[in-house]
Amino acid sequence: MQGVLIFKKPHQTGFQPPGRAFGGVACLNDHKYVLYAGSAGQLFNDVRAFEAENYDWSVIKKDVDAKDLLSRYAHCVGGFSNYLVAFGGNGEYNQKTKHRQ
């Protein structure tokens, strides 16, 4: 079947992240994809890695362990060497002062 793409979900191992929108993903070292933050009824500030060579997920920082990272969504993420760089986006809405943190 020339010209037909078939998509299927491969068997994945490790701690898979919950579904989310507006998260950031960057490729590090040609085979590791890093997912940071996002939104799905709540804001995330976790960091997770996906090894494309063996379809394995790992948790780099859990939401509860990532106090130094602000929860955010709709941000830009890029990979540089072995570093993940995040910029901008939106954080939690502060109802009291009517602005985003």
C-alpha atoms as a PDB file:
ATOM      1  CA  MET A   1       0.000   0.000   0.000  1.00  0.00           C
ATOM      2  CA  GLN A   2       2.108   2.817  -1.251  1.00  0.00           C
ATOM      3  CA  GLY A   3       1.391   6.283   0.193  1.00  0.00           C
ATOM      4  CA  VAL A   4      -0.668   4.980   3.115  1.00  0.00           C
ATOM      5  CA  LEU A   5       0.463   5.764   6.638  1.00  0.00           C
ATOM      6  CA  ILE A   6      -0.550   3.434   9.418  1.00  0.00           C
ATOM      7  CA  PHE A   7      -0.376   4.752  12.969  1.00  0.00           C
ATOM      8  CA  LYS A   8      -0.392   2.489  15.984  1.00  0.00           C
ATOM      9  CA  LYS A   9       0.437   3.010  19.621  1.00  0.00           C
ATOM     10  CA  PRO A  10       3.567   1.084  20.610  1.00  0.00           C
ATOM     11  CA  HIS A  11       3.798  -0.711  23.936  1.00  0.00           C
ATOM     12  CA  GLN A  12       5.289   1.771  26.388  1.00  0.00           C
ATOM     13  CA  THR A  13       6.899   1.120  29.754  1.00  0.00           C
ATOM     14  CA  GLY A  14       7.544   3.287  32.781  1.00  0.00           C
ATOM     15  CA  PHE A  15       5.356   5.912  34.407  1.00  0.00           C
ATOM     16  CA  GLN A  16       3.372   7.443  31.552  1.00  0.00           C
ATOM     17  CA  PRO A  17       2.208  11.035  32.067  1.00  0.00           C
ATOM     18  CA  PRO A  18      -1.477  11.908  32.182  1.00  0.00           C
ATOM     19  CA  GLY A  19      -2.902  13.503  29.056  1.00  0.00           C
ATOM     20  CA  ARG A  20      -2.462  17.271  28.823  1.00  0.00           C
ATOM     21  CA  ALA A  21      -2.678  20.257  26.527  1.00  0.00           C
ATOM     22  CA  PHE A  22      -0.272  23.142  25.999  1.00  0.00           C
ATOM     23  CA  GLY A  23       2.752  21.333  27.447  1.00  0.00           C
ATOM     24  CA  GLY A  24       6.219  21.754  26.048  1.00  0.00           C
ATOM     25  CA  VAL A  25       8.319  19.014  24.456  1.00  0.00           C
ATOM     26  CA  ALA A  26      11.946  19.168  23.346  1.00  0.00           C
ATOM     27  CA  CYS A  27      14.375  16.606  21.971  1.00  0.00           C
ATOM     28  CA  LEU A  28      17.673  16.053  23.795  1.00  0.00           C
ATOM     29  CA  ASN A  29      20.507  13.860  22.518  1.00  0.00           C
ATOM     30  CA  ASP A  30      18.649  12.727  19.368  1.00  0.00           C
ATOM     31  CA  HIS A  31      16.503  10.115  21.109  1.00  0.00           C
ATOM     32  CA  LYS A  32      15.222  11.489  24.420  1.00  0.00           C
ATOM     33  CA  TYR A  33      12.107  13.658  24.413  1.00  0.00           C
ATOM     34  CA  VAL A  34      11.446  15.758  27.498  1.00  0.00           C
ATOM     35  CA  LEU A  35       7.935  16.899  28.471  1.00  0.00           C
ATOM     36  CA  TYR A  36       7.507  19.865  30.816  1.00  0.00           C
ATOM     37  CA  ALA A  37       4.294  21.188  32.386  1.00  0.00           C
ATOM     38  CA  GLY A  38       0.956  21.735  30.634  1.00  0.00           C
ATOM     39  CA  SER A  39      -2.703  21.862  31.546  1.00  0.00           C
ATOM     40  CA  ALA A  40      -5.545  19.357  31.901  1.00  0.00           C
ATOM     41  CA  GLY A  41      -8.056  20.837  34.326  1.00  0.00           C
ATOM     42  CA  GLN A  42      -5.054  21.526  36.549  1.00  0.00           C
ATOM     43  CA  LEU A  43      -1.623  22.947  35.865  1.00  0.00           C
ATOM     44  CA  PHE A  44       1.411  20.684  35.839  1.00  0.00           C
ATOM     45  CA  ASN A  45       5.020  21.521  36.636  1.00  0.00           C
ATOM     46  CA  ASP A  46       6.454  18.046  36.262  1.00  0.00           C
ATOM     47  CA  VAL A  47       9.332  17.021  34.008  1.00  0.00           C
ATOM     48  CA  ARG A  48       9.216  13.634  32.265  1.00  0.00           C
ATOM     49  CA  ALA A  49      11.453  11.942  29.722  1.00  0.00           C
ATOM     50  CA  PHE A  50      10.599   9.537  26.920  1.00  0.00           C
ATOM     51  CA  GLU A  51      13.322   7.335  25.443  1.00  0.00           C
ATOM     52  CA  ALA A  52      12.383   6.827  21.802  1.00  0.00           C
ATOM     53  CA  GLU A  53      14.753   3.881  21.394  1.00  0.00           C
ATOM     54  CA  ASN A  54      12.893   1.639  23.854  1.00  0.00           C
ATOM     55  CA  TYR A  55       9.569   3.513  24.409  1.00  0.00           C
ATOM     56  CA  ASP A  56      10.276   4.014  28.109  1.00  0.00           C
ATOM     57  CA  TRP A  57       8.921   6.898  30.231  1.00  0.00           C
ATOM     58  CA  SER A  58      10.697   8.173  33.329  1.00  0.00           C
ATOM     59  CA  VAL A  59       9.906  10.904  35.844  1.00  0.00           C
ATOM     60  CA  ILE A  60      12.633  13.501  36.247  1.00  0.00           C
ATOM     61  CA  LYS A  61      10.637  15.712  38.642  1.00  0.00           C
ATOM     62  CA  LYS A  62       7.153  15.065  40.012  1.00  0.00           C
ATOM     63  CA  ASP A  63       4.707  17.930  40.536  1.00  0.00           C
ATOM     64  CA  VAL A  64       5.223  17.752  44.297  1.00  0.00           C
ATOM     65  CA  ASP A  65       9.023  17.685  43.972  1.00  0.00           C
ATOM     66  CA  ALA A  66       9.256  20.562  41.503  1.00  0.00           C
ATOM     67  CA  LYS A  67       8.809  23.497  43.896  1.00  0.00           C
ATOM     68  CA  ASP A  68      11.521  25.446  42.061  1.00  0.00           C
ATOM     69  CA  LEU A  69       9.571  25.152  38.773  1.00  0.00           C
ATOM     70  CA  LEU A  70       6.407  27.176  38.302  1.00  0.00           C
ATOM     71  CA  SER A  71       3.314  25.474  36.937  1.00  0.00           C
ATOM     72  CA  ARG A  72       2.689  26.765  33.448  1.00  0.00           C
ATOM     73  CA  TYR A  73       1.081  26.115  30.090  1.00  0.00           C
ATOM     74  CA  ALA A  74       1.354  27.524  26.550  1.00  0.00           C
ATOM     75  CA  HIS A  75       5.097  28.066  26.961  1.00  0.00           C
ATOM     76  CA  CYS A  76       8.043  27.490  24.661  1.00  0.00           C
ATOM     77  CA  VAL A  77      10.519  24.706  25.358  1.00  0.00           C
ATOM     78  CA  GLY A  78      13.747  23.983  23.571  1.00  0.00           C
ATOM     79  CA  GLY A  79      16.628  21.585  23.961  1.00  0.00           C
ATOM     80  CA  PHE A  80      20.201  22.807  24.006  1.00  0.00           C
ATOM     81  CA  SER A  81      22.915  20.187  24.440  1.00  0.00           C
ATOM     82  CA  ASN A  82      21.751  18.329  27.561  1.00  0.00           C
ATOM     83  CA  TYR A  83      19.641  21.235  28.889  1.00  0.00           C
ATOM     84  CA  LEU A  84      15.934  21.969  28.723  1.00  0.00           C
ATOM     85  CA  VAL A  85      15.104  25.670  28.315  1.00  0.00           C
ATOM     86  CA  ALA A  86      11.569  26.936  29.035  1.00  0.00           C
ATOM     87  CA  PHE A  87      10.366  30.449  28.326  1.00  0.00           C
ATOM     88  CA  GLY A  88       7.121  32.354  28.814  1.00  0.00           C
ATOM     89  CA  GLY A  89       3.684  30.842  29.001  1.00  0.00           C
ATOM     90  CA  ASN A  90       0.897  31.320  31.495  1.00  0.00           C
ATOM     91  CA  GLY A  91       0.756  30.374  35.149  1.00  0.00           C
ATOM     92  CA  GLU A  92      -2.012  30.000  37.677  1.00  0.00           C
ATOM     93  CA  TYR A  93      -4.641  32.718  37.664  1.00  0.00           C
ATOM     94  CA  ASN A  94      -4.632  34.696  40.885  1.00  0.00           C
ATOM     95  CA  GLN A  95      -8.327  35.417  41.561  1.00  0.00           C
ATOM     96  CA  LYS A  96      -7.569  37.847  44.392  1.00  0.00           C
ATOM     97  CA  THR A  97      -5.453  40.266  42.358  1.00  0.00           C
ATOM     98  CA  LYS A  98      -6.968  39.371  38.948  1.00  0.00           C
ATOM     99  CA  HIS A  99      -3.647  38.643  37.247  1.00  0.00           C
ATOM    100  CA  ARG A 100      -1.491  35.732  36.295  1.00  0.00           C
ATOM    101  CA  GLN A 101       1.473  34.966  38.488  1.00  0.00           C
END
